[in-house]
Structures are given as structure tokens and as C-alpha cells.
Protein backbone atom coordinates (compact mmCIF):
# COMPACT_ATOMS: atom_id res chain seq x y z
CA GLN A 1 24.55 15.20 -12.45
CA VAL A 2 21.92 16.33 -15.14
CA GLN A 3 20.25 19.41 -15.29
CA LEU A 4 16.76 20.93 -16.30
CA VAL A 5 15.98 23.83 -17.91
CA GLU A 6 12.21 24.69 -18.02
CA SER A 7 10.99 27.24 -20.55
CA GLY A 8 7.80 28.07 -22.33
CA GLY A 9 5.44 29.33 -19.41
CA GLY A 10 3.92 32.78 -19.71
CA LEU A 11 0.75 34.30 -19.98
CA VAL A 12 -2.49 33.43 -21.20
CA GLN A 13 -6.21 33.97 -21.31
CA ALA A 14 -8.59 31.36 -19.54
CA GLY A 15 -8.91 28.82 -22.17
CA GLY A 16 -5.65 29.29 -23.57
CA SER A 17 -2.72 27.23 -24.61
CA LEU A 18 0.74 26.85 -23.45
CA ARG A 19 3.20 23.94 -24.47
CA LEU A 20 6.21 23.47 -21.77
CA SER A 21 9.22 22.38 -22.08
CA CYS A 22 12.09 20.46 -19.44
CA THR A 23 15.37 20.65 -21.94
CA ALA A 24 17.96 18.23 -19.96
CA THR A 25 22.20 18.34 -19.96
CA GLY A 26 22.55 15.11 -19.68
CA SER A 27 20.77 11.74 -21.04
CA ILE A 28 16.83 11.42 -19.69
CA PHE A 29 16.40 8.40 -20.96
CA SER A 30 19.08 7.22 -18.31
CA ILE A 31 16.50 8.78 -15.46
CA GLY A 32 14.27 6.96 -16.26
CA ALA A 33 10.73 7.97 -15.10
CA MET A 34 10.08 12.06 -15.27
CA GLY A 35 7.36 14.46 -13.85
CA TRP A 36 6.31 17.54 -14.20
CA TYR A 37 4.92 19.46 -10.89
CA ARG A 38 3.25 22.59 -10.37
CA GLN A 39 3.71 25.01 -7.18
CA ALA A 40 0.94 27.40 -6.54
CA PRO A 41 1.27 30.55 -4.87
CA GLY A 42 1.12 29.68 -1.44
CA LYS A 43 1.09 25.74 -1.56
CA GLN A 44 2.93 22.63 -1.59
CA ARG A 45 4.95 21.46 -4.88
CA GLU A 46 2.20 18.70 -6.26
CA LEU A 47 3.16 16.08 -9.74
CA VAL A 48 0.35 17.06 -12.20
CA ALA A 49 1.69 14.33 -15.15
CA ALA A 50 4.38 11.84 -15.23
CA ILE A 51 5.64 9.92 -17.93
CA THR A 52 8.46 6.17 -18.40
CA SER A 53 11.14 6.20 -20.59
CA GLY A 54 8.91 4.50 -22.32
CA GLY A 55 6.23 6.84 -22.23
CA ARG A 56 3.19 5.08 -20.44
CA THR A 57 1.80 8.46 -18.98
CA ASN A 58 0.30 9.39 -15.56
CA TYR A 59 -1.37 12.21 -14.72
CA ALA A 60 -3.18 14.15 -11.39
CA ASP A 61 -7.56 13.86 -11.88
CA SER A 62 -7.01 17.66 -11.63
CA TRP A 63 -5.25 17.80 -15.70
CA LYS A 64 -6.58 14.84 -16.95
CA GLY A 65 -7.98 15.17 -20.17
CA ARG A 66 -6.25 18.88 -20.10
CA PHE A 67 -2.82 18.71 -19.81
CA THR A 68 -0.61 15.95 -22.32
CA ILE A 69 2.98 15.10 -20.74
CA SER A 70 5.21 13.78 -23.81
CA ARG A 71 8.84 13.44 -23.55
CA ASP A 72 11.76 13.11 -27.26
CA ASN A 73 14.70 11.64 -25.96
CA ALA A 74 16.73 12.02 -28.13
CA LYS A 75 16.50 15.84 -27.90
CA ASN A 76 16.52 14.99 -23.85
CA THR A 77 13.54 16.90 -23.64
CA VAL A 78 9.88 16.28 -22.28
CA TYR A 79 6.48 18.60 -22.89
CA LEU A 80 3.56 19.74 -21.08
CA GLN A 81 0.62 20.27 -23.23
CA MET A 82 -1.89 22.57 -21.41
CA ASN A 83 -4.64 22.68 -23.09
CA SER A 84 -8.54 24.60 -21.47
CA LEU A 85 -6.49 26.93 -19.51
CA LYS A 86 -8.35 28.13 -16.43
CA PRO A 87 -6.68 30.92 -13.82
CA GLU A 88 -6.50 27.76 -11.41
CA ASP A 89 -3.50 26.27 -13.43
CA THR A 90 -1.78 29.86 -12.35
CA ALA A 91 1.81 27.89 -10.62
CA VAL A 92 5.65 27.50 -11.51
CA TYR A 93 6.01 24.52 -13.43
CA TYR A 94 8.85 22.49 -12.41
CA CYS A 95 9.95 19.14 -15.01
CA ASN A 96 11.84 16.57 -12.87
CA GLN A 97 12.58 12.93 -12.07
CA ALA A 98 9.43 11.07 -10.92
CA GLY A 99 9.26 10.79 -6.95
CA ALA A 100 11.40 14.07 -6.88
CA VAL A 101 11.48 15.61 -3.17
CA VAL A 102 11.61 19.31 -2.78
CA GLY A 103 14.38 19.39 0.22
CA ARG A 104 16.17 16.34 -1.17
CA ASP A 105 16.71 16.64 -4.93
CA TYR A 106 18.23 18.96 -7.54
CA TRP A 107 14.95 21.35 -8.95
CA GLY A 108 15.86 23.98 -11.99
CA GLN A 109 14.13 26.89 -11.67
CA GLY A 110 11.01 26.12 -12.95
CA THR A 111 9.27 28.26 -15.65
CA GLN A 112 5.71 30.73 -14.84
CA VAL A 113 2.09 29.84 -15.67
CA THR A 114 -0.34 32.77 -15.58
CA VAL A 115 -3.65 32.44 -16.80
CA SER A 116 -6.00 35.85 -16.10
CA SER A 117 -9.49 35.33 -15.40
């Protein structure tokens, strides 16, 4: 089973930027489409952005234009560049295969992003 380790989170002021990384212990190319998800306090986990193994991307409307997902299959790493951060972006961010389900699929520990106003 491929394991995923998210990193790059932290505390940032509103308007700032962060770059999250997700490194897999195995080949992400074999996984196929990957996604970044987030879970804000008291809310369900939701998909932020997804990317196919060939690099095609898709974003949820709330983050379109501010966040950019990318991947480096050779490094088994998926990235999320987060710009113009807002306090409402505060959440734990996770990466996983596209379509992953809480309670059914393996999830890493996530990385905390906190945006102060």
C-alpha cells in the first residue's frame, strides 16, 4: 500500500502563500489521479483540487484561481501552491487518490494550515 506524507503547512497571515507537498512511498503514477482535500474544524472533508497522471487539473470553485495543483511523477510528489490565503482557508489539508473516501481508504496525517486575519 502506498503511504502518503503531507508537509508544508503552517501559520501565515491573510494574503500570504504556502506550498504544500505530498510525498508517496511508492509510485503515484500507478495511483492515477490525485487530489488535495481539506477538513475545516467541524466540517466534512472536501476536495480542493485534483490532477490526473497526465497533468490535467480540476478545482473546486472556492479555490479556483488562488490554488494550483501540480505533480512530479518522477519524485512521487504532488504539490498545492496556495496564494492569496484567507482565514477561511484554515484547515487540515490531505492528499490522496481522487475519489478517496474517509472511513474506507487510507489517509495520511495531513498538514495544518492556519491563516490569521
